[in-house]
Amino acid sequence: MSNKKYNLLKIKKLTKFNDDLNAKLKNPKFKKGFDLALKRWDLAHEIMTAREKAKMTQVEFAKELKTSQSFIARAENGGQNLTIDVLMRMADVLSMKQKKKVKFQIVGSI
């Protein structure tokens, strides 16, 4: 157990994360970047979920796409800028493995 004492008054005055985020979202430039990041995360999650449903490892998926495992990892964590061509190839590989059509959806504008 730590002997450190906390000043509860200071802790109560701390801004809650949601309050801070909502204040920042009033800035149009910040909101645009935030919305883009959310869309990247949504797409990354779709890719990872589809790969897992196809019962493929990142290494297997990368081999089918003729790319590296690190590329797949970046795609699945939202850190890879993906072209339409790459997304279509991913959907084709996953559709064959799952024996059903896989579609990635990108909605809205930024």
Protein backbone atom coordinates (compact mmCIF):
# COMPACT_ATOMS: atom_id res chain seq x y z
CA MET A 1 0.00 0.00 0.00
CA SER A 2 1.34 3.40 -0.93
CA ASN A 3 1.89 6.06 1.71
CA LYS A 4 1.23 8.75 -0.88
CA LYS A 5 -1.53 11.17 0.10
CA TYR A 6 -3.82 12.56 -2.54
CA ASN A 7 -5.43 15.96 -2.47
CA LEU A 8 -9.08 15.07 -3.12
CA LEU A 9 -10.02 18.68 -3.83
CA LYS A 10 -7.50 18.83 -6.69
CA ILE A 11 -8.69 15.48 -8.03
CA LYS A 12 -12.33 16.64 -8.03
CA LYS A 13 -11.37 19.74 -9.99
CA LEU A 14 -9.75 17.74 -12.76
CA THR A 15 -11.62 17.98 -16.03
CA LYS A 16 -13.28 14.78 -17.02
CA PHE A 17 -12.06 13.30 -20.30
CA ASN A 18 -15.45 13.61 -22.01
CA ASP A 19 -15.79 17.24 -21.00
CA ASP A 20 -12.35 18.01 -22.40
CA LEU A 21 -13.04 16.09 -25.60
CA ASN A 22 -16.39 17.82 -26.12
CA ALA A 23 -14.72 21.20 -25.71
CA LYS A 24 -12.03 20.27 -28.26
CA LEU A 25 -14.64 18.96 -30.71
CA LYS A 26 -16.01 22.49 -30.98
CA ASN A 27 -12.87 23.34 -32.94
CA PRO A 28 -13.67 22.44 -36.60
CA LYS A 29 -10.06 21.49 -37.42
CA PHE A 30 -9.80 19.18 -34.39
CA LYS A 31 -13.23 17.65 -35.13
CA LYS A 32 -12.25 16.92 -38.74
CA GLY A 33 -9.10 15.10 -37.61
CA PHE A 34 -10.96 13.27 -34.87
CA ASP A 35 -13.69 12.11 -37.27
CA LEU A 36 -11.07 10.86 -39.73
CA ALA A 37 -9.31 8.93 -36.95
CA LEU A 38 -12.63 7.31 -35.93
CA LYS A 39 -13.29 6.22 -39.53
CA ARG A 40 -9.78 4.74 -39.76
CA TRP A 41 -10.37 2.80 -36.52
CA ASP A 42 -13.75 1.53 -37.77
CA LEU A 43 -12.22 0.29 -41.02
CA ALA A 44 -9.25 -1.26 -39.19
CA HIS A 45 -11.67 -3.11 -36.90
CA GLU A 46 -13.68 -4.35 -39.88
CA ILE A 47 -10.52 -5.73 -41.50
CA MET A 48 -9.38 -7.48 -38.32
CA THR A 49 -12.83 -8.93 -37.62
CA ALA A 50 -13.17 -10.26 -41.19
CA ARG A 51 -9.69 -11.83 -41.02
CA GLU A 52 -10.51 -13.50 -37.71
CA LYS A 53 -13.83 -14.81 -39.09
CA ALA A 54 -11.86 -16.27 -41.98
CA LYS A 55 -9.71 -18.03 -39.35
CA MET A 56 -6.54 -16.54 -40.80
CA THR A 57 -3.49 -15.29 -38.97
CA GLN A 58 -1.91 -12.00 -39.96
CA VAL A 59 0.94 -13.98 -41.52
CA GLU A 60 -1.45 -16.10 -43.63
CA PHE A 61 -3.43 -13.04 -44.68
CA ALA A 62 -0.24 -11.21 -45.63
CA LYS A 63 0.99 -14.17 -47.68
CA GLU A 64 -2.28 -14.25 -49.64
CA LEU A 65 -2.01 -10.51 -50.29
CA LYS A 66 1.69 -10.77 -51.16
CA THR A 67 2.63 -8.27 -48.46
CA SER A 68 4.18 -8.36 -45.00
CA GLN A 69 2.68 -9.24 -41.64
CA SER A 70 3.69 -5.79 -40.37
CA PHE A 71 1.60 -4.19 -43.14
CA ILE A 72 -1.42 -6.20 -41.95
CA ALA A 73 -0.73 -5.24 -38.33
CA ARG A 74 -0.60 -1.55 -39.28
CA ALA A 75 -3.81 -1.91 -41.32
CA GLU A 76 -5.53 -3.50 -38.32
CA ASN A 77 -4.45 -0.79 -35.90
CA GLY A 78 -5.38 2.10 -38.18
CA GLY A 79 -1.80 3.11 -38.85
CA GLN A 80 -1.63 2.16 -42.52
CA ASN A 81 -2.95 4.36 -45.30
CA LEU A 82 -4.86 1.88 -47.49
CA THR A 83 -5.67 2.35 -51.15
CA ILE A 84 -8.93 1.24 -52.73
CA ASP A 85 -6.97 -1.43 -54.64
CA VAL A 86 -5.61 -2.92 -51.40
CA LEU A 87 -9.07 -2.88 -49.79
CA MET A 88 -10.54 -4.69 -52.81
CA ARG A 89 -7.78 -7.33 -52.70
CA MET A 90 -8.37 -7.80 -48.96
CA ALA A 91 -12.10 -8.21 -49.54
CA ASP A 92 -11.47 -10.73 -52.34
CA VAL A 93 -9.12 -12.87 -50.22
CA LEU A 94 -11.43 -12.79 -47.21
CA SER A 95 -14.49 -13.53 -49.37
CA MET A 96 -12.82 -16.68 -50.74
CA LYS A 97 -11.78 -17.85 -47.27
CA GLN A 98 -15.19 -17.21 -45.72
CA LYS A 99 -17.09 -18.48 -48.76
CA LYS A 100 -19.27 -15.38 -48.59
CA LYS A 101 -18.90 -11.86 -49.88
CA VAL A 102 -16.95 -9.50 -47.63
CA LYS A 103 -17.51 -5.77 -48.05
CA PHE A 104 -15.73 -2.88 -46.39
CA GLN A 105 -17.84 0.20 -45.98
CA ILE A 106 -16.51 3.73 -45.93
CA VAL A 107 -19.21 6.27 -45.20
CA GLY A 108 -19.31 10.03 -45.04
CA SER A 109 -17.01 12.89 -45.74
CA ILE A 110 -14.32 14.58 -43.75
